[in-house]
Structure formats: C-alpha cells, structure tokens
Amino acid sequence: MYDVITVGSATVDVFANTDSELIKIKNQDSEKELIAYPSGSKILIKEIRFTIGGGGTNTAVSLSRLGHRVAYLGKIGNDENGKKVVDMLKKEKVDFVGKICKQMTGYSIILDSIEHDRTILTYKGANDNLKFSDLNAKKFNTKWFYFSSMVGESFKTLVILSDFAKKNKIKIAFNPSSYIAKNGAEYLKKILVNTNVLVLNNEESFLLIEKKDIKERLMSLYDLGPRIVVITNGKHSVSAYDGENFYSIKPNYIKVVESTGAGDAFASSFLSGIIKKRDIKFALKMALTNSESVITHPGAKNNLLTYKKILEQIKKRPVKIKSFKR
C-alpha cells in the first residue's frame, strides 16, 4: 500500500536567467509586480538549466525523500521528455501509475527576475487530458491522495478521484493553484467537501473567500469541508485552522535564490508531518523548514530534505508557533 499517491502535472522545466526590469502597479486594494523586457529586442540568457518539474512530480519526490511510499499519477507523452520524467521518478523511488500517450509532455520556461521571484510560461500538453477511463483504479491502493492543480479534462478526473477516495476511505490533501481557484468555491466544492487537508497561498484563498480578515477566511474555508486549512503568505506569517484552534508561524529571514517549488515543498511536507505525528504544529515546522531549504537553491527539487535532515534543521533553528482557541 502507498502512503500517498500524488496527482498533478509533470513538466520539463527550462530555467532562463536574464536581465529584466520589475514594474510595480499599485491600486487601492492590491499591488502587482510585472517583469518587463524591451520589445523587439534580442535578450541574452546568462544561464540556462533543464529540470523535471510540475506539482505532481515535485510533491511526489518531496514525500519520497521524507520516507513515504509514493506513486505519481498523471499523464505524460510518449516522447523523450516523458522518458526523462519516468527515469527521474524511478531514481527518486516513486512509482508511476499514470498514463503515457501520444501527446507532448508538459513544458515550462521559467524566467527569473531581479528579485529572484519567477514568471512561468507553461505548455500543459498531456497534463490537461488525464481521463479517469485512462487509469487502472486497482493501482490506487493508498492511504492518501495529494491533489495539485489540474485543469481541463484532468480537473474532471480530480472530481471523480475525490468521490473514489471517499468511497474507499482514502484521505485527500488538496493544493489548488490560482488556475482553478479563480473559478470560485462553488467550482471546487465537490473536491473540498471530501478534503482533509487544504493548503493554499494568500492569493488563492482570497479567490475562494473574499474576506480580508485571515481568521474569517480560514473559518469560511473550513466550512466548505476541509478538516485542516493552511494559508501561506510568502515572507509573512503562515496561518492554519482545524475547527478549534488557530495557528500562526513566522518564516525565518532567508536569502532567496529562487522560489520555484517552495509551495509544493511546503504543502507536501505539511502533509508528511500530519501523517507522521498528526500534529499541526509539528507539520508546520516541517513545512516551513523544507520550503525554506528549497528557496536557497535553484530548482524545485534540488534541495528537498530528508526527514532526518528536517529534524536536524528544526532542532538547529527552532521557530515559535502561536496557537489560540477560536
């Protein structure tokens, strides 16, 4: 039996480090940062790197390194890039229980900025066309599903898998992106009602529940079905709620090299902490430690930690968690 089957995208990622300008647009309610390049110009790339990414494979590798038995469920092409995905999964001791097809494997171009955030240009390819009829449900012998963001036909499959999970007493962790959060809570309700752990960032949470007060937003998200709700907010405090208690943890000051994969590392490590100890405080410490490790190195998987290393880091650099009753 697997501890976790991750469901999500697989991509070949190309990291391009270039010169750019950062433009900030501010209005009464929000602030946006835009990366700008000169129009009609040839732009030199300082450095280029190729890695395997995508929320499904990032979280699968994270959970495997943390000591769990893991499988990855997604759709990849019968091409050279698809072979690279499968080879990487084997190397990381992750089983592939998805579908190989004639479509092109997903592909992303990741542009670095002067503040080490990133803009991602993504071609979804096979990722968007995962059908439940493609899959062998007999392989889904697992305690948990981890759902990352899927769109198109693949989102319909997530909904079917959430019902499958409920019928088979499989727990669900769900980490939606703005791709699907922008459709609103009603769009996600069939998954949320079956979700045990919901992890999303501040922007995504606001797309689902338009309440400025973080406690009210957490409670409203909890009322949609999840038993534990976690909202991350970059360098600001992470907040969580379990129906009885609120939790808050402040990230350490970390020099960011690249933020790609930080969200996947956080959410998968939080789930690992819940599986290992059923303790939200411990899970938050694990999540913060692994995500902070990832942002100190380029690439979404390069500095994902083992469970032993996370425990060492928690002991070396303890963080305080505030908790209080509702």
Protein backbone atom coordinates (compact mmCIF):
# COMPACT_ATOMS: atom_id res chain seq x y z
CA MET A 1 0.00 0.00 0.00
CA TYR A 2 1.17 3.53 -0.79
CA ASP A 3 1.24 6.22 1.84
CA VAL A 4 0.46 8.85 -0.80
CA ILE A 5 -0.39 8.99 -4.49
CA THR A 6 0.25 12.48 -5.86
CA VAL A 7 -1.96 13.68 -8.70
CA GLY A 8 -0.82 16.59 -10.82
CA SER A 9 1.34 17.85 -13.62
CA ALA A 10 4.71 16.71 -14.92
CA THR A 11 6.83 19.09 -16.96
CA VAL A 12 10.30 19.56 -18.32
CA ASP A 13 11.36 22.94 -16.93
CA VAL A 14 13.80 25.30 -18.61
CA PHE A 15 15.19 27.94 -16.25
CA ALA A 16 16.37 31.05 -18.08
CA ASN A 17 18.29 33.69 -16.12
CA THR A 18 18.08 37.00 -17.97
CA ASP A 19 18.25 40.73 -17.35
CA SER A 20 14.81 42.20 -16.72
CA GLU A 21 13.04 45.12 -15.11
CA LEU A 22 10.47 44.89 -12.33
CA ILE A 23 7.42 47.13 -12.61
CA LYS A 24 5.05 47.58 -9.67
CA ILE A 25 1.42 48.51 -10.26
CA LYS A 26 -0.47 49.61 -7.18
CA ASN A 27 -4.16 50.38 -6.70
CA GLN A 28 -6.35 50.89 -3.66
CA ASP A 29 -6.79 47.19 -2.94
CA SER A 30 -3.69 45.42 -4.22
CA GLU A 31 -0.22 45.59 -5.70
CA LYS A 32 1.10 43.65 -8.67
CA GLU A 33 4.68 43.14 -9.79
CA LEU A 34 5.37 42.65 -13.50
CA ILE A 35 8.58 41.51 -15.18
CA ALA A 36 9.35 43.70 -18.21
CA TYR A 37 11.57 43.07 -21.25
CA PRO A 38 12.35 45.51 -24.10
CA SER A 39 10.01 44.96 -27.06
CA GLY A 40 11.59 43.79 -30.31
CA SER A 41 14.97 43.07 -28.73
CA LYS A 42 17.21 40.03 -28.64
CA ILE A 43 17.81 39.21 -24.97
CA LEU A 44 20.87 37.26 -23.89
CA ILE A 45 20.42 34.42 -21.42
CA LYS A 46 23.05 34.38 -18.67
CA GLU A 47 22.39 30.80 -17.59
CA ILE A 48 20.08 28.01 -18.71
CA ARG A 49 19.14 24.83 -16.81
CA PHE A 50 16.86 21.88 -17.54
CA THR A 51 15.00 20.04 -14.76
CA ILE A 52 11.85 17.98 -14.22
CA GLY A 53 9.04 19.94 -12.57
CA GLY A 54 5.28 20.10 -12.20
CA GLY A 55 3.27 19.99 -8.98
CA GLY A 56 2.62 16.24 -9.22
CA THR A 57 6.27 15.19 -9.56
CA ASN A 58 7.62 17.87 -7.18
CA THR A 59 5.41 16.67 -4.35
CA ALA A 60 5.99 13.00 -5.14
CA VAL A 61 9.76 13.46 -4.82
CA SER A 62 9.36 15.54 -1.66
CA LEU A 63 7.24 12.88 0.04
CA SER A 64 9.54 10.07 -1.10
CA ARG A 65 12.61 11.79 0.35
CA LEU A 66 10.68 12.22 3.60
CA GLY A 67 10.40 8.44 3.86
CA HIS A 68 6.95 7.71 2.46
CA ARG A 69 5.99 5.08 -0.10
CA VAL A 70 4.79 7.20 -3.02
CA ALA A 71 3.33 6.91 -6.51
CA TYR A 72 2.73 9.63 -9.09
CA LEU A 73 -0.49 9.77 -11.11
CA GLY A 74 -0.52 11.98 -14.19
CA LYS A 75 -0.34 11.95 -17.98
CA ILE A 76 2.87 12.28 -19.99
CA GLY A 77 3.80 11.94 -23.62
CA ASN A 78 5.49 9.01 -25.33
CA ASP A 79 8.42 11.27 -26.14
CA GLU A 80 11.93 12.00 -24.94
CA ASN A 81 10.70 14.35 -22.25
CA GLY A 82 8.21 11.77 -20.99
CA LYS A 83 11.06 9.28 -20.68
CA LYS A 84 13.02 11.84 -18.64
CA VAL A 85 10.08 12.16 -16.25
CA VAL A 86 9.80 8.40 -15.75
CA ASP A 87 13.56 7.99 -15.29
CA MET A 88 13.61 10.74 -12.66
CA LEU A 89 10.72 9.14 -10.77
CA LYS A 90 12.50 5.77 -10.72
CA LYS A 91 15.66 7.42 -9.42
CA GLU A 92 13.63 9.02 -6.62
CA LYS A 93 11.86 5.72 -5.75
CA VAL A 94 8.47 6.91 -6.95
CA ASP A 95 6.18 4.54 -8.87
CA PHE A 96 4.41 5.80 -12.00
CA VAL A 97 0.72 4.80 -12.04
CA GLY A 98 -0.48 7.24 -14.69
CA LYS A 99 -0.90 7.21 -18.45
CA ILE A 100 1.57 7.53 -21.34
CA CYS A 101 0.00 8.93 -24.51
CA LYS A 102 0.79 10.36 -27.95
CA GLN A 103 0.51 13.99 -26.82
CA MET A 104 3.51 16.09 -25.94
CA THR A 105 4.76 16.06 -22.34
CA GLY A 106 4.24 19.34 -20.48
CA TYR A 107 6.90 22.00 -20.86
CA SER A 108 7.69 25.18 -18.91
CA ILE A 109 10.00 28.14 -19.42
CA ILE A 110 10.84 29.82 -16.12
CA LEU A 111 12.06 33.41 -16.21
CA ASP A 112 13.98 34.69 -13.21
CA SER A 113 13.53 38.27 -12.05
CA ILE A 114 15.75 40.80 -10.33
CA GLU A 115 14.11 39.95 -7.00
CA HIS A 116 14.50 36.20 -7.53
CA ASP A 117 10.82 35.55 -7.97
CA ARG A 118 9.81 33.89 -11.19
CA THR A 119 7.37 34.04 -14.06
CA ILE A 120 6.47 30.70 -15.64
CA LEU A 121 5.39 30.16 -19.24
CA THR A 122 3.69 26.76 -19.30
CA TYR A 123 2.58 24.47 -22.09
CA LYS A 124 0.32 21.95 -20.37
CA GLY A 125 0.27 19.36 -23.16
CA ALA A 126 -0.71 15.91 -21.92
CA ASN A 127 -1.25 17.24 -18.39
CA ASP A 128 -4.69 18.65 -19.24
CA ASN A 129 -6.12 15.46 -20.71
CA LEU A 130 -5.99 12.90 -17.91
CA LYS A 131 -9.21 10.87 -18.09
CA PHE A 132 -10.40 8.53 -15.38
CA SER A 133 -11.05 5.94 -18.11
CA ASP A 134 -7.28 6.07 -18.86
CA LEU A 135 -6.47 4.77 -15.40
CA ASN A 136 -6.31 1.46 -13.60
CA ALA A 137 -8.07 2.10 -10.28
CA LYS A 138 -6.75 -1.22 -8.92
CA LYS A 139 -3.39 0.52 -8.55
CA PHE A 140 -4.86 3.15 -6.21
CA ASN A 141 -4.19 1.24 -3.00
CA THR A 142 -3.21 4.22 -0.87
CA LYS A 143 -3.91 5.98 2.41
CA TRP A 144 -3.81 9.48 0.89
CA PHE A 145 -4.25 11.29 -2.40
CA TYR A 146 -2.39 14.56 -2.81
CA PHE A 147 -4.15 16.72 -5.42
CA SER A 148 -2.24 19.58 -7.02
CA SER A 149 -3.82 21.86 -9.57
CA MET A 150 -5.26 20.33 -12.75
CA VAL A 151 -7.40 21.96 -15.45
CA GLY A 152 -9.47 20.85 -18.42
CA GLU A 153 -10.34 17.16 -18.62
CA SER A 154 -7.88 16.49 -15.80
CA PHE A 155 -9.90 18.60 -13.36
CA LYS A 156 -12.94 16.42 -14.05
CA THR A 157 -10.77 13.45 -13.18
CA LEU A 158 -9.83 15.09 -9.85
CA VAL A 159 -13.54 15.36 -9.03
CA ILE A 160 -14.07 11.66 -9.84
CA LEU A 161 -11.00 10.71 -7.82
CA SER A 162 -12.31 12.68 -4.83
CA ASP A 163 -15.52 10.60 -4.90
CA PHE A 164 -13.42 7.43 -5.35
CA ALA A 165 -11.39 8.47 -2.30
CA LYS A 166 -14.49 8.98 -0.17
CA LYS A 167 -15.93 5.59 -1.13
CA ASN A 168 -12.62 3.85 -0.42
CA LYS A 169 -11.78 5.75 2.79
CA ILE A 170 -8.76 7.45 1.25
CA LYS A 171 -7.86 10.86 2.68
CA ILE A 172 -7.22 13.87 0.46
CA ALA A 173 -4.74 16.74 0.66
CA PHE A 174 -5.55 19.48 -1.84
CA ASN A 175 -3.27 22.29 -3.04
CA PRO A 176 -5.17 24.25 -5.72
CA SER A 177 -3.50 26.98 -7.74
CA SER A 178 -4.94 30.25 -8.97
CA TYR A 179 -5.72 28.45 -12.27
CA ILE A 180 -8.71 26.78 -10.66
CA ALA A 181 -9.19 28.92 -7.53
CA LYS A 182 -10.19 31.83 -9.79
CA ASN A 183 -13.32 29.85 -10.69
CA GLY A 184 -14.56 30.21 -7.11
CA ALA A 185 -15.50 27.96 -4.22
CA GLU A 186 -18.61 26.62 -5.96
CA TYR A 187 -16.44 25.23 -8.77
CA LEU A 188 -14.27 23.32 -6.26
CA LYS A 189 -16.98 22.27 -3.81
CA LYS A 190 -17.14 18.61 -4.90
CA ILE A 191 -13.47 18.22 -4.05
CA LEU A 192 -13.41 20.48 -0.99
CA VAL A 193 -16.22 18.57 0.72
CA ASN A 194 -14.04 15.42 0.59
CA THR A 195 -10.77 17.16 1.51
CA ASN A 196 -8.96 16.51 4.78
CA VAL A 197 -6.08 18.99 4.38
CA LEU A 198 -6.32 22.16 2.27
CA VAL A 199 -3.13 24.18 1.66
CA LEU A 200 -3.16 27.32 -0.47
CA ASN A 201 -1.48 30.69 -0.64
CA ASN A 202 -2.97 34.04 0.29
CA GLU A 203 -3.96 34.97 -3.26
CA GLU A 204 -5.63 31.61 -3.90
CA SER A 205 -7.51 31.73 -0.60
CA PHE A 206 -8.85 35.20 -1.41
CA LEU A 207 -10.06 33.99 -4.82
CA LEU A 208 -12.18 31.41 -2.97
CA ILE A 209 -13.26 33.55 0.00
CA GLU A 210 -13.18 37.32 -0.41
CA LYS A 211 -12.68 38.24 3.21
CA LYS A 212 -9.76 40.43 4.27
CA ASP A 213 -9.62 39.09 7.83
CA ILE A 214 -7.47 35.96 7.76
CA LYS A 215 -9.35 34.26 10.62
CA GLU A 216 -12.69 34.76 8.93
CA ARG A 217 -11.24 33.42 5.68
CA LEU A 218 -9.84 30.34 7.42
CA MET A 219 -13.17 29.62 9.10
CA SER A 220 -15.10 30.08 5.86
CA LEU A 221 -12.75 27.72 4.02
CA TYR A 222 -13.11 25.20 6.84
CA ASP A 223 -16.90 25.39 6.49
CA LEU A 224 -16.54 24.23 2.87
CA GLY A 225 -15.40 20.80 4.07
CA PRO A 226 -11.64 20.56 4.80
CA ARG A 227 -10.70 19.42 8.31
CA ILE A 228 -7.45 21.44 8.30
CA VAL A 229 -6.89 24.68 6.37
CA VAL A 230 -3.47 26.30 5.88
CA ILE A 231 -2.80 29.65 4.19
CA THR A 232 0.75 30.66 3.29
CA ASN A 233 1.73 34.25 2.58
CA GLY A 234 5.30 34.44 1.29
CA LYS A 235 7.64 36.01 3.84
CA HIS A 236 4.67 36.83 6.10
CA SER A 237 3.10 34.53 8.69
CA VAL A 238 1.60 31.16 7.77
CA SER A 239 -1.85 30.65 9.29
CA ALA A 240 -3.78 27.43 9.96
CA TYR A 241 -7.11 26.36 11.44
CA ASP A 242 -8.56 23.00 12.46
CA GLY A 243 -12.06 23.96 13.59
CA GLU A 244 -10.97 24.57 17.20
CA ASN A 245 -7.60 26.30 17.15
CA PHE A 246 -5.82 28.90 15.05
CA TYR A 247 -2.08 28.55 14.44
CA SER A 248 0.49 31.05 13.21
CA ILE A 249 4.16 30.64 12.33
CA LYS A 250 6.54 33.32 11.10
CA PRO A 251 9.08 32.32 8.40
CA ASN A 252 12.77 32.88 9.07
CA TYR A 253 14.68 35.52 7.18
CA ILE A 254 16.15 33.56 4.27
CA LYS A 255 18.14 34.83 1.31
CA VAL A 256 16.06 33.70 -1.65
CA VAL A 257 17.93 32.25 -4.61
CA GLU A 258 14.79 31.04 -6.39
CA SER A 259 11.21 30.48 -5.24
CA THR A 260 10.18 27.77 -7.73
CA GLY A 261 8.77 24.72 -5.92
CA ALA A 262 8.54 26.37 -2.50
CA GLY A 263 4.76 25.95 -2.36
CA ASP A 264 4.98 22.29 -3.36
CA ALA A 265 7.66 21.67 -0.74
CA PHE A 266 5.57 23.38 1.94
CA ALA A 267 2.31 21.57 1.21
CA SER A 268 3.83 18.10 0.78
CA SER A 269 5.95 18.47 3.93
CA PHE A 270 2.92 19.66 5.91
CA LEU A 271 1.08 16.52 4.81
CA SER A 272 4.09 14.41 5.80
CA GLY A 273 4.04 15.94 9.29
CA ILE A 274 0.32 15.18 9.65
CA ILE A 275 0.88 11.57 8.54
CA LYS A 276 3.86 11.07 10.85
CA LYS A 277 2.59 12.71 14.04
CA ARG A 278 -0.95 14.03 13.46
CA ASP A 279 0.29 17.28 14.97
CA ILE A 280 -0.36 20.58 13.18
CA LYS A 281 2.45 22.40 14.99
CA PHE A 282 4.99 19.77 14.00
CA ALA A 283 3.64 19.69 10.44
CA LEU A 284 4.02 23.47 10.16
CA LYS A 285 7.63 23.27 11.33
CA MET A 286 8.37 20.54 8.78
CA ALA A 287 6.69 22.50 6.00
CA LEU A 288 8.49 25.74 6.75
CA THR A 289 11.88 24.02 7.08
CA ASN A 290 11.65 22.20 3.74
CA SER A 291 10.26 25.16 1.79
CA GLU A 292 12.99 27.43 3.18
CA SER A 293 15.57 24.88 2.10
CA VAL A 294 14.19 24.82 -1.45
CA ILE A 295 14.33 28.60 -1.94
CA THR A 296 18.05 28.70 -1.07
CA HIS A 297 18.89 26.68 -4.21
CA PRO A 298 17.81 26.82 -7.86
CA GLY A 299 15.25 24.24 -8.99
CA ALA A 300 12.13 22.84 -7.36
CA LYS A 301 13.70 19.55 -6.22
CA ASN A 302 17.41 20.22 -5.79
CA ASN A 303 17.39 20.91 -2.06
CA LEU A 304 14.38 18.95 -0.84
CA LEU A 305 15.36 17.47 2.52
CA THR A 306 15.12 14.01 4.04
CA TYR A 307 13.14 13.54 7.24
CA LYS A 308 16.36 13.22 9.22
CA LYS A 309 17.70 16.49 7.81
CA ILE A 310 14.44 18.29 8.59
CA LEU A 311 14.57 17.15 12.22
CA GLU A 312 18.16 18.39 12.43
CA GLN A 313 17.20 21.77 11.00
CA ILE A 314 14.20 22.13 13.32
CA LYS A 315 16.47 21.47 16.29
CA LYS A 316 19.17 23.83 15.00
CA ARG A 317 16.80 26.66 14.12
CA PRO A 318 13.67 26.41 16.29
CA VAL A 319 10.65 28.53 15.43
CA LYS A 320 7.78 29.56 17.67
CA ILE A 321 4.20 28.75 16.79
CA LYS A 322 1.39 30.80 18.22
CA SER A 323 -1.87 28.95 18.83
CA PHE A 324 -5.13 30.04 20.38
CA LYS A 325 -8.72 28.88 20.61
CA ARG A 326 -11.37 30.11 18.25
